């Protein structure tokens, strides 16, 4: 069976569950009515860890790897992250545009054989408000206003990531072009939550 067969749908939900020790992410399919479908992957990132690599497993048993995200460490490769299939073959990559992100978070997503997709926060006002929130003495008050990202290639939509208002962080990921590997889309969506300097 094709490795991407389980990912045939183009809409996914990423739910974050935080504990004192780790941030956990559960990826499910999304039914037409918005309800959660089958579990497709799960991962966790240890809090206060310098290790930024992620392993996505097909389920909570952690017996089978769905894909991995590895931070680039080799000189000359540039900053960013590579997304690899279970055999270590490249699926794609992404990196944050640091200077552009000072005002409005901006990411570049790459897939072999396809043009780059650039993702930005949809609402400029919310982007500025989030940054102002970071400098206020409100460490114990989370920024609750939902924020969203749109990824485009030459002005054409590629995917979107919408944060939903809920007790836990929930993101609806929608892939709008048939050629984009959904595993890369999901990895990028998790990166928007866990990697970016907001």
N, C-alpha and C. Protein backbone atom coordinates (compact mmCIF):
# COMPACT_ATOMS: atom_id res chain seq x y z
N UNK A 1 0.84 -1.18 0.00
CA UNK A 1 0.00 0.00 0.00
C UNK A 1 0.88 1.24 0.00
N UNK A 2 0.51 2.26 -0.79
CA UNK A 2 1.25 3.52 -0.85
C UNK A 2 1.28 4.15 0.53
N UNK A 3 2.45 4.71 0.89
CA UNK A 3 2.61 5.31 2.22
C UNK A 3 1.66 6.47 2.44
N UNK A 4 1.24 7.12 1.38
CA UNK A 4 0.35 8.27 1.54
C UNK A 4 -1.13 7.90 1.39
N UNK A 5 -1.43 6.61 1.21
CA UNK A 5 -2.82 6.20 1.00
C UNK A 5 -3.70 6.57 2.20
N UNK A 6 -3.16 6.45 3.41
CA UNK A 6 -3.94 6.79 4.60
C UNK A 6 -4.22 8.29 4.68
N UNK A 7 -3.46 9.04 3.90
CA UNK A 7 -3.60 10.49 3.91
C UNK A 7 -4.35 10.98 2.68
N UNK A 8 -5.25 10.17 2.16
CA UNK A 8 -5.91 10.50 0.89
C UNK A 8 -6.76 11.76 0.98
N UNK A 9 -7.36 12.03 2.13
CA UNK A 9 -8.17 13.24 2.29
C UNK A 9 -7.24 14.45 2.35
N UNK A 10 -7.80 15.61 2.17
CA UNK A 10 -6.99 16.83 2.12
C UNK A 10 -7.27 17.76 3.30
N UNK A 11 -8.00 17.28 4.31
CA UNK A 11 -8.28 18.09 5.48
C UNK A 11 -7.90 17.29 6.73
N UNK A 12 -7.16 17.94 7.62
CA UNK A 12 -6.64 17.27 8.82
C UNK A 12 -6.80 18.19 10.02
N UNK A 13 -6.90 17.59 11.19
CA UNK A 13 -6.94 18.36 12.43
C UNK A 13 -5.72 17.99 13.26
N UNK A 14 -5.02 19.01 13.74
CA UNK A 14 -3.89 18.82 14.64
C UNK A 14 -4.30 19.35 16.00
N UNK A 15 -4.28 18.49 17.01
CA UNK A 15 -4.67 18.88 18.37
C UNK A 15 -3.45 18.79 19.27
N UNK A 16 -3.19 19.87 19.99
CA UNK A 16 -2.07 19.89 20.92
C UNK A 16 -2.57 19.62 22.33
N UNK A 17 -1.86 18.73 23.03
CA UNK A 17 -2.12 18.48 24.44
C UNK A 17 -0.82 18.72 25.20
N UNK A 18 -0.84 19.67 26.12
CA UNK A 18 0.37 20.02 26.85
C UNK A 18 0.39 19.38 28.22
N UNK A 19 1.57 18.92 28.63
CA UNK A 19 1.80 18.45 29.99
C UNK A 19 2.97 19.25 30.55
N UNK A 20 3.32 18.99 31.79
CA UNK A 20 4.45 19.70 32.38
C UNK A 20 5.76 19.36 31.68
N UNK A 21 5.83 18.17 31.08
CA UNK A 21 7.08 17.71 30.48
C UNK A 21 7.13 17.81 28.96
N UNK A 22 5.97 17.84 28.30
CA UNK A 22 6.00 17.77 26.83
C UNK A 22 4.75 18.39 26.21
N UNK A 23 4.90 18.77 24.95
CA UNK A 23 3.77 19.15 24.11
C UNK A 23 3.50 17.98 23.18
N UNK A 24 2.28 17.48 23.21
CA UNK A 24 1.90 16.34 22.38
C UNK A 24 0.94 16.78 21.29
N UNK A 25 1.11 16.19 20.11
CA UNK A 25 0.29 16.54 18.96
C UNK A 25 -0.35 15.28 18.39
N UNK A 26 -1.65 15.35 18.18
CA UNK A 26 -2.41 14.25 17.59
C UNK A 26 -2.97 14.73 16.26
N UNK A 27 -2.72 13.97 15.20
CA UNK A 27 -3.18 14.32 13.86
C UNK A 27 -4.28 13.35 13.47
N UNK A 28 -5.42 13.89 13.10
CA UNK A 28 -6.55 13.06 12.65
C UNK A 28 -7.05 13.57 11.30
N UNK A 29 -7.73 12.69 10.59
CA UNK A 29 -8.46 13.15 9.43
C UNK A 29 -9.62 14.02 9.90
N UNK A 30 -10.18 14.78 8.99
CA UNK A 30 -11.30 15.66 9.34
C UNK A 30 -12.48 15.34 8.44
N UNK A 31 -13.58 14.95 9.04
CA UNK A 31 -14.80 14.61 8.29
C UNK A 31 -15.43 15.87 7.71
N UNK A 32 -16.30 15.73 6.71
CA UNK A 32 -16.95 16.90 6.10
C UNK A 32 -17.71 17.77 7.11
N UNK A 33 -18.23 17.15 8.18
CA UNK A 33 -18.96 17.95 9.18
C UNK A 33 -18.03 18.59 10.21
N UNK A 34 -16.71 18.40 10.04
CA UNK A 34 -15.74 19.01 10.94
C UNK A 34 -15.32 18.13 12.10
N UNK A 35 -15.95 16.97 12.26
CA UNK A 35 -15.59 16.07 13.35
C UNK A 35 -14.28 15.33 13.02
N UNK A 36 -13.64 14.81 14.08
CA UNK A 36 -12.38 14.11 13.90
C UNK A 36 -12.59 12.76 13.25
N UNK A 37 -11.74 12.44 12.30
CA UNK A 37 -11.74 11.14 11.66
C UNK A 37 -10.70 10.24 12.30
N UNK A 38 -10.13 9.30 11.54
CA UNK A 38 -9.16 8.36 12.10
C UNK A 38 -7.84 9.04 12.48
N UNK A 39 -7.16 8.46 13.46
CA UNK A 39 -5.84 8.94 13.85
C UNK A 39 -4.84 8.59 12.75
N UNK A 40 -4.06 9.58 12.33
CA UNK A 40 -3.06 9.38 11.28
C UNK A 40 -1.64 9.44 11.80
N UNK A 41 -1.41 10.24 12.83
CA UNK A 41 -0.06 10.38 13.37
C UNK A 41 -0.10 11.05 14.73
N UNK A 42 0.98 10.87 15.48
CA UNK A 42 1.13 11.56 16.76
C UNK A 42 2.61 11.76 17.03
N UNK A 43 2.91 12.81 17.76
CA UNK A 43 4.30 13.12 18.11
C UNK A 43 4.31 13.91 19.40
N UNK A 44 5.48 14.08 19.97
CA UNK A 44 5.61 14.95 21.14
C UNK A 44 6.98 15.61 21.12
N UNK A 45 7.03 16.77 21.74
CA UNK A 45 8.30 17.48 21.88
C UNK A 45 8.48 17.82 23.35
N UNK A 46 9.62 17.40 23.89
CA UNK A 46 9.93 17.67 25.29
C UNK A 46 10.10 19.16 25.53
N UNK A 47 9.52 19.64 26.61
CA UNK A 47 9.71 21.04 26.97
C UNK A 47 11.14 21.26 27.43
N UNK A 48 11.66 22.45 27.16
CA UNK A 48 13.01 22.85 27.59
C UNK A 48 14.09 21.94 27.01
N UNK A 49 13.80 21.29 25.89
CA UNK A 49 14.79 20.44 25.24
C UNK A 49 15.42 21.20 24.08
N UNK A 50 16.72 20.99 23.88
CA UNK A 50 17.40 21.60 22.74
C UNK A 50 17.21 20.77 21.47
N UNK A 51 16.71 19.57 21.61
CA UNK A 51 16.47 18.69 20.46
C UNK A 51 15.18 19.14 19.77
N UNK A 52 15.30 19.57 18.53
CA UNK A 52 14.14 20.07 17.80
C UNK A 52 13.63 19.07 16.77
N UNK A 53 14.20 17.86 16.76
CA UNK A 53 13.71 16.83 15.85
C UNK A 53 12.40 16.25 16.37
N UNK A 54 11.56 15.82 15.44
CA UNK A 54 10.28 15.21 15.80
C UNK A 54 10.11 13.90 15.05
N UNK A 55 9.57 12.90 15.74
CA UNK A 55 9.20 11.65 15.09
C UNK A 55 7.69 11.49 15.18
N UNK A 56 7.05 11.40 14.03
CA UNK A 56 5.60 11.19 13.97
C UNK A 56 5.35 9.70 13.81
N UNK A 57 4.59 9.14 14.74
CA UNK A 57 4.23 7.72 14.68
C UNK A 57 2.81 7.58 14.15
N UNK A 58 2.50 6.39 13.63
CA UNK A 58 1.18 6.18 13.03
C UNK A 58 0.08 6.11 14.08
N UNK A 59 0.44 5.79 15.34
CA UNK A 59 -0.54 5.77 16.43
C UNK A 59 0.20 5.81 17.76
N UNK A 60 -0.58 5.79 18.84
CA UNK A 60 0.00 5.96 20.18
C UNK A 60 0.90 4.80 20.61
N UNK A 61 0.83 3.67 19.93
CA UNK A 61 1.70 2.55 20.29
C UNK A 61 3.16 2.83 19.96
N UNK A 62 3.41 3.74 19.04
CA UNK A 62 4.75 4.14 18.62
C UNK A 62 5.55 2.99 18.01
N UNK A 63 4.88 2.05 17.40
CA UNK A 63 5.58 0.93 16.78
C UNK A 63 6.00 1.24 15.34
N UNK A 64 5.25 2.13 14.68
CA UNK A 64 5.52 2.39 13.27
C UNK A 64 5.66 3.88 13.03
N UNK A 65 6.75 4.27 12.36
CA UNK A 65 7.01 5.67 12.07
C UNK A 65 6.25 6.09 10.81
N UNK A 66 5.58 7.22 10.90
CA UNK A 66 4.90 7.78 9.72
C UNK A 66 5.84 8.68 8.94
N UNK A 67 6.57 9.55 9.63
CA UNK A 67 7.57 10.42 9.03
C UNK A 67 8.32 11.13 10.15
N UNK A 68 9.42 11.79 9.81
CA UNK A 68 10.21 12.51 10.80
C UNK A 68 10.48 13.93 10.32
N UNK A 69 10.78 14.80 11.29
CA UNK A 69 11.21 16.16 11.00
C UNK A 69 12.57 16.33 11.66
N UNK A 70 13.57 16.69 10.86
CA UNK A 70 14.93 16.81 11.37
C UNK A 70 15.47 18.21 11.10
N UNK A 71 16.02 18.82 12.16
CA UNK A 71 16.64 20.13 12.01
C UNK A 71 17.96 19.98 11.25
N UNK A 72 18.21 20.88 10.34
CA UNK A 72 19.46 20.83 9.58
C UNK A 72 20.62 21.24 10.48
N UNK A 73 21.69 20.45 10.41
CA UNK A 73 22.87 20.74 11.21
C UNK A 73 24.14 20.84 10.37
N UNK A 74 24.10 20.36 9.13
CA UNK A 74 25.29 20.38 8.28
C UNK A 74 25.59 21.79 7.79
N UNK A 75 26.84 22.21 7.84
CA UNK A 75 27.20 23.54 7.34
C UNK A 75 26.81 23.69 5.87
N UNK A 76 26.30 24.87 5.53
CA UNK A 76 25.97 25.15 4.14
C UNK A 76 24.54 24.80 3.76
N UNK A 77 23.85 24.00 4.60
CA UNK A 77 22.47 23.64 4.27
C UNK A 77 21.48 24.74 4.63
N UNK A 78 21.91 25.69 5.46
CA UNK A 78 21.01 26.74 5.88
C UNK A 78 20.11 26.28 7.00
N UNK A 79 19.46 27.24 7.63
CA UNK A 79 18.52 26.93 8.70
C UNK A 79 17.28 26.26 8.13
N UNK A 80 16.61 25.52 8.96
CA UNK A 80 15.37 24.91 8.53
C UNK A 80 15.25 23.47 8.96
N UNK A 81 14.25 22.80 8.42
CA UNK A 81 13.91 21.45 8.83
C UNK A 81 13.60 20.61 7.59
N UNK A 82 14.05 19.37 7.62
CA UNK A 82 13.75 18.42 6.55
C UNK A 82 12.71 17.42 7.03
N UNK A 83 11.76 17.11 6.16
CA UNK A 83 10.74 16.11 6.45
C UNK A 83 11.08 14.86 5.65
N UNK A 84 11.20 13.73 6.36
CA UNK A 84 11.67 12.49 5.74
C UNK A 84 10.65 11.37 5.94
N UNK A 85 10.56 10.47 4.97
CA UNK A 85 9.68 9.32 5.12
C UNK A 85 10.34 8.29 6.04
N UNK A 86 9.67 7.18 6.37
CA UNK A 86 10.26 6.20 7.31
C UNK A 86 11.59 5.62 6.87
N UNK A 87 11.87 5.64 5.57
CA UNK A 87 13.16 5.12 5.06
C UNK A 87 14.23 6.21 4.99
N UNK A 88 13.90 7.43 5.40
CA UNK A 88 14.86 8.52 5.38
C UNK A 88 14.92 9.27 4.06
N UNK A 89 13.98 9.01 3.15
CA UNK A 89 13.95 9.73 1.88
C UNK A 89 13.22 11.06 2.05
N UNK A 90 13.70 12.12 1.37
CA UNK A 90 13.11 13.44 1.58
C UNK A 90 11.69 13.55 1.04
N UNK A 91 10.83 14.12 1.86
CA UNK A 91 9.47 14.48 1.45
C UNK A 91 9.43 15.95 1.09
N UNK A 92 10.14 16.76 1.86
CA UNK A 92 10.17 18.20 1.63
C UNK A 92 10.90 18.88 2.78
N UNK A 93 10.79 20.18 2.84
CA UNK A 93 11.46 20.93 3.89
C UNK A 93 10.72 22.24 4.13
N UNK A 94 11.09 22.92 5.21
CA UNK A 94 10.53 24.25 5.47
C UNK A 94 11.49 25.03 6.35
N UNK A 95 11.39 26.34 6.27
CA UNK A 95 12.18 27.21 7.13
C UNK A 95 11.43 28.53 7.33
N UNK A 96 11.77 29.20 8.41
CA UNK A 96 11.15 30.48 8.72
C UNK A 96 12.00 31.61 8.16
N UNK A 97 11.35 32.61 7.57
CA UNK A 97 12.04 33.83 7.16
C UNK A 97 12.10 34.75 8.37
N UNK A 98 13.26 34.77 9.02
CA UNK A 98 13.37 35.41 10.33
C UNK A 98 13.08 36.90 10.28
N UNK A 99 13.66 37.62 9.33
CA UNK A 99 13.46 39.07 9.28
C UNK A 99 12.01 39.42 8.98
N UNK A 100 11.40 38.75 8.01
CA UNK A 100 10.00 39.00 7.70
C UNK A 100 9.10 38.67 8.88
N UNK A 101 9.51 37.68 9.67
CA UNK A 101 8.69 37.22 10.79
C UNK A 101 8.72 38.19 11.98
N UNK A 102 9.61 39.17 11.95
CA UNK A 102 9.60 40.16 13.03
C UNK A 102 8.30 40.94 13.06
N UNK A 103 7.67 41.09 11.87
CA UNK A 103 6.41 41.81 11.78
C UNK A 103 5.23 40.85 11.57
N UNK A 104 5.44 39.85 10.74
CA UNK A 104 4.35 38.93 10.36
C UNK A 104 4.99 37.58 10.06
N UNK A 105 4.70 36.57 10.86
CA UNK A 105 5.36 35.27 10.71
C UNK A 105 5.27 34.77 9.28
N UNK A 106 6.43 34.38 8.73
CA UNK A 106 6.51 33.97 7.33
C UNK A 106 7.37 32.72 7.23
N UNK A 107 6.84 31.70 6.54
CA UNK A 107 7.55 30.43 6.36
C UNK A 107 7.61 30.08 4.89
N UNK A 108 8.64 29.34 4.51
CA UNK A 108 8.78 28.84 3.14
C UNK A 108 8.78 27.32 3.19
N UNK A 109 7.90 26.72 2.41
CA UNK A 109 7.77 25.26 2.37
C UNK A 109 8.19 24.78 0.98
N UNK A 110 9.05 23.74 0.96
CA UNK A 110 9.58 23.24 -0.30
C UNK A 110 9.31 21.76 -0.44
N UNK A 111 8.95 21.37 -1.66
CA UNK A 111 8.77 19.95 -1.99
C UNK A 111 9.51 19.69 -3.29
N UNK A 112 10.27 18.60 -3.36
CA UNK A 112 11.02 18.33 -4.60
C UNK A 112 10.11 18.35 -5.83
N UNK A 113 10.58 19.05 -6.86
CA UNK A 113 9.83 19.10 -8.12
C UNK A 113 8.69 20.09 -8.15
N UNK A 114 8.53 20.88 -7.08
CA UNK A 114 7.44 21.85 -7.02
C UNK A 114 7.99 23.21 -6.62
N UNK A 115 7.35 24.29 -7.06
CA UNK A 115 7.82 25.62 -6.65
C UNK A 115 7.58 25.85 -5.16
N UNK A 116 8.34 26.76 -4.59
CA UNK A 116 8.19 27.08 -3.16
C UNK A 116 6.79 27.60 -2.87
N UNK A 117 6.31 27.28 -1.67
CA UNK A 117 5.07 27.86 -1.15
C UNK A 117 5.43 28.74 0.04
N UNK A 118 4.94 29.97 0.04
CA UNK A 118 5.23 30.91 1.12
C UNK A 118 3.98 31.09 1.96
N UNK A 119 4.14 30.90 3.27
CA UNK A 119 3.02 31.01 4.19
C UNK A 119 3.18 32.21 5.11
N UNK A 120 2.10 32.98 5.27
CA UNK A 120 2.12 34.15 6.14
C UNK A 120 0.87 34.15 7.02
N UNK A 121 1.02 34.82 8.16
CA UNK A 121 -0.17 35.03 8.99
C UNK A 121 -1.21 35.80 8.18
N UNK A 122 -2.44 35.35 8.26
CA UNK A 122 -3.49 35.93 7.44
C UNK A 122 -3.83 37.37 7.85
N UNK A 123 -3.87 37.61 9.14
CA UNK A 123 -4.34 38.90 9.65
C UNK A 123 -3.15 39.70 10.18
N UNK A 124 -2.84 40.81 9.53
CA UNK A 124 -1.70 41.63 9.94
C UNK A 124 -1.91 42.22 11.34
N UNK A 125 -3.15 42.62 11.64
CA UNK A 125 -3.43 43.21 12.95
C UNK A 125 -3.18 42.21 14.07
N UNK A 126 -3.64 40.98 13.89
CA UNK A 126 -3.42 39.95 14.90
C UNK A 126 -1.93 39.66 15.04
N UNK A 127 -1.19 39.68 13.93
CA UNK A 127 0.26 39.45 13.99
C UNK A 127 0.94 40.49 14.86
N UNK A 128 0.57 41.77 14.69
CA UNK A 128 1.16 42.84 15.49
C UNK A 128 0.71 42.71 16.94
N UNK A 129 -0.56 42.39 17.17
CA UNK A 129 -1.07 42.24 18.52
C UNK A 129 -0.36 41.12 19.28
N UNK A 130 -0.07 40.01 18.58
CA UNK A 130 0.64 38.90 19.23
C UNK A 130 2.03 39.34 19.70
N UNK A 131 2.70 40.13 18.88
CA UNK A 131 4.02 40.59 19.25
C UNK A 131 3.98 41.57 20.42
N UNK A 132 2.96 42.44 20.42
CA UNK A 132 2.80 43.36 21.56
C UNK A 132 2.51 42.58 22.83
N UNK A 133 1.72 41.51 22.72
CA UNK A 133 1.38 40.67 23.87
C UNK A 133 2.64 40.07 24.49
N UNK A 134 3.60 39.72 23.63
CA UNK A 134 4.83 39.09 24.10
C UNK A 134 5.68 40.01 24.97
N UNK A 135 5.59 41.32 24.75
CA UNK A 135 6.41 42.25 25.53
C UNK A 135 5.69 42.77 26.77
N UNK A 136 4.41 42.49 26.89
CA UNK A 136 3.67 42.89 28.09
C UNK A 136 3.91 41.88 29.20
N UNK A 137 3.79 42.30 30.47
CA UNK A 137 4.00 41.37 31.60
C UNK A 137 2.80 40.45 31.82
N UNK A 138 2.52 39.62 30.80
CA UNK A 138 1.32 38.77 30.85
C UNK A 138 1.69 37.31 30.63
N UNK A 139 2.81 36.88 31.21
CA UNK A 139 3.32 35.53 30.95
C UNK A 139 2.30 34.44 31.27
N UNK A 140 1.48 34.66 32.31
CA UNK A 140 0.54 33.62 32.74
C UNK A 140 -0.78 33.67 31.98
N UNK A 141 -0.93 34.67 31.11
CA UNK A 141 -2.18 34.80 30.34
C UNK A 141 -1.88 34.44 28.89
N UNK A 142 -2.40 33.32 28.39
CA UNK A 142 -2.11 32.93 27.01
C UNK A 142 -2.80 33.86 26.01
N UNK A 143 -2.18 33.98 24.85
CA UNK A 143 -2.78 34.77 23.78
C UNK A 143 -3.88 33.92 23.15
N UNK A 144 -5.13 34.28 23.39
CA UNK A 144 -6.24 33.41 23.02
C UNK A 144 -6.82 33.71 21.65
N UNK A 145 -6.52 34.86 21.07
CA UNK A 145 -7.10 35.22 19.78
C UNK A 145 -6.60 34.24 18.71
N UNK A 146 -7.52 33.66 17.93
CA UNK A 146 -7.07 32.69 16.92
C UNK A 146 -6.28 33.37 15.80
N UNK A 147 -5.26 32.68 15.32
CA UNK A 147 -4.50 33.19 14.19
C UNK A 147 -4.40 32.10 13.14
N UNK A 148 -4.23 32.53 11.90
CA UNK A 148 -4.30 31.61 10.77
C UNK A 148 -3.16 31.90 9.79
N UNK A 149 -2.80 30.88 9.01
CA UNK A 149 -1.76 31.02 8.00
C UNK A 149 -2.31 30.58 6.65
N UNK A 150 -1.89 31.30 5.61
CA UNK A 150 -2.19 30.92 4.24
C UNK A 150 -0.87 30.73 3.49
N UNK A 151 -0.74 29.60 2.80
CA UNK A 151 0.44 29.31 1.99
C UNK A 151 0.04 29.43 0.52
N UNK A 152 0.89 30.13 -0.24
CA UNK A 152 0.60 30.38 -1.65
C UNK A 152 1.85 30.17 -2.50
N UNK A 153 1.61 29.85 -3.76
CA UNK A 153 2.66 29.81 -4.78
C UNK A 153 2.22 30.70 -5.92
N UNK A 154 2.97 31.76 -6.17
CA UNK A 154 2.62 32.71 -7.23
C UNK A 154 1.18 33.21 -7.09
N UNK A 155 0.80 33.50 -5.85
CA UNK A 155 -0.54 34.04 -5.60
C UNK A 155 -1.66 33.03 -5.57
N UNK A 156 -1.35 31.76 -5.79
CA UNK A 156 -2.38 30.72 -5.80
C UNK A 156 -2.32 29.93 -4.50
N UNK A 157 -3.48 29.65 -3.88
CA UNK A 157 -3.48 28.95 -2.59
C UNK A 157 -2.95 27.53 -2.69
N UNK A 158 -2.15 27.14 -1.70
CA UNK A 158 -1.57 25.81 -1.62
C UNK A 158 -2.13 25.06 -0.41
N UNK A 159 -2.15 25.74 0.73
CA UNK A 159 -2.73 25.15 1.94
C UNK A 159 -3.03 26.27 2.92
N UNK A 160 -3.89 25.95 3.89
CA UNK A 160 -4.20 26.89 4.96
C UNK A 160 -4.15 26.16 6.29
N UNK A 161 -3.84 26.92 7.34
CA UNK A 161 -3.81 26.40 8.71
C UNK A 161 -4.63 27.36 9.55
N UNK A 162 -5.77 26.91 10.04
CA UNK A 162 -6.67 27.74 10.85
C UNK A 162 -6.65 27.26 12.29
N UNK A 163 -6.33 28.17 13.21
CA UNK A 163 -6.37 27.82 14.62
C UNK A 163 -7.79 28.02 15.12
N UNK A 164 -8.32 27.01 15.80
CA UNK A 164 -9.68 27.04 16.32
C UNK A 164 -9.67 27.46 17.79
N UNK A 165 -10.72 28.15 18.20
CA UNK A 165 -10.85 28.52 19.61
C UNK A 165 -11.33 27.30 20.37
N UNK A 166 -10.50 26.83 21.32
CA UNK A 166 -10.83 25.65 22.11
C UNK A 166 -9.94 25.64 23.34
N UNK A 167 -10.28 24.74 24.29
CA UNK A 167 -9.46 24.63 25.50
C UNK A 167 -8.04 24.20 25.15
N UNK A 168 -7.91 23.33 24.16
CA UNK A 168 -6.59 22.93 23.66
C UNK A 168 -6.38 23.58 22.30
N UNK A 169 -5.11 23.81 21.95
CA UNK A 169 -4.83 24.32 20.61
C UNK A 169 -5.28 23.29 19.58
N UNK A 170 -6.11 23.73 18.63
CA UNK A 170 -6.57 22.87 17.55
C UNK A 170 -6.38 23.63 16.24
N UNK A 171 -5.83 22.93 15.26
CA UNK A 171 -5.57 23.55 13.97
C UNK A 171 -6.22 22.71 12.87
N UNK A 172 -6.96 23.37 12.00
CA UNK A 172 -7.51 22.71 10.82
C UNK A 172 -6.56 22.97 9.66
N UNK A 173 -6.01 21.89 9.10
CA UNK A 173 -5.08 21.99 7.98
C UNK A 173 -5.82 21.56 6.72
N UNK A 174 -5.84 22.44 5.73
CA UNK A 174 -6.53 22.11 4.48
C UNK A 174 -5.56 22.27 3.32
N UNK A 175 -5.33 21.19 2.58
CA UNK A 175 -4.46 21.18 1.42
C UNK A 175 -5.32 21.46 0.19
N UNK A 176 -4.95 22.48 -0.57
CA UNK A 176 -5.80 22.91 -1.69
C UNK A 176 -5.21 22.59 -3.06
N UNK A 177 -4.01 21.98 -3.09
CA UNK A 177 -3.45 21.54 -4.38
C UNK A 177 -3.18 20.04 -4.28
N UNK A 178 -3.45 19.29 -5.34
CA UNK A 178 -3.31 17.83 -5.27
C UNK A 178 -1.88 17.33 -5.14
N UNK A 179 -0.89 18.11 -5.56
CA UNK A 179 0.48 17.62 -5.57
C UNK A 179 1.22 17.73 -4.25
N UNK A 180 0.66 18.43 -3.28
CA UNK A 180 1.37 18.64 -2.01
C UNK A 180 1.21 17.41 -1.12
N UNK A 181 2.35 16.87 -0.66
CA UNK A 181 2.32 15.70 0.22
C UNK A 181 1.72 16.13 1.57
N UNK A 182 0.63 15.50 2.00
CA UNK A 182 -0.02 15.92 3.25
C UNK A 182 0.87 15.79 4.47
N UNK A 183 1.85 14.88 4.44
CA UNK A 183 2.75 14.74 5.57
C UNK A 183 3.60 16.00 5.74
N UNK A 184 4.02 16.59 4.63
CA UNK A 184 4.76 17.85 4.69
C UNK A 184 3.85 18.96 5.21
N UNK A 185 2.59 18.98 4.77
CA UNK A 185 1.65 19.99 5.23
C UNK A 185 1.43 19.90 6.74
N UNK A 186 1.27 18.68 7.24
CA UNK A 186 1.04 18.49 8.68
C UNK A 186 2.29 18.85 9.48
N UNK A 187 3.47 18.46 8.98
CA UNK A 187 4.71 18.82 9.67
C UNK A 187 4.86 20.33 9.75
N UNK A 188 4.53 21.03 8.67
CA UNK A 188 4.60 22.49 8.68
C UNK A 188 3.61 23.08 9.68
N UNK A 189 2.41 22.52 9.75
CA UNK A 189 1.40 23.02 10.69
C UNK A 189 1.87 22.88 12.13
N UNK A 190 2.48 21.75 12.47
CA UNK A 190 3.00 21.56 13.84
C UNK A 190 4.13 22.55 14.09
N UNK A 191 4.95 22.80 13.07
CA UNK A 191 6.05 23.75 13.24
C UNK A 191 5.53 25.15 13.56
N UNK A 192 4.40 25.52 13.01
CA UNK A 192 3.83 26.84 13.29
C UNK A 192 3.50 26.99 14.77
N UNK A 193 3.22 25.88 15.42
CA UNK A 193 2.91 25.92 16.86
C UNK A 193 4.16 25.80 17.71
N UNK A 194 5.06 24.92 17.34
CA UNK A 194 6.14 24.57 18.26
C UNK A 194 7.50 25.23 17.97
N UNK A 195 7.74 25.67 16.73
CA UNK A 195 9.06 26.16 16.38
C UNK A 195 9.18 27.67 16.28
N UNK A 196 8.12 28.33 15.86
CA UNK A 196 8.32 29.72 15.52
C UNK A 196 8.50 30.62 16.73
N UNK A 197 9.38 31.60 16.56
CA UNK A 197 9.54 32.62 17.59
C UNK A 197 8.47 33.67 17.41
N UNK A 198 7.45 33.59 18.24
CA UNK A 198 6.30 34.46 18.04
C UNK A 198 6.55 35.86 18.54
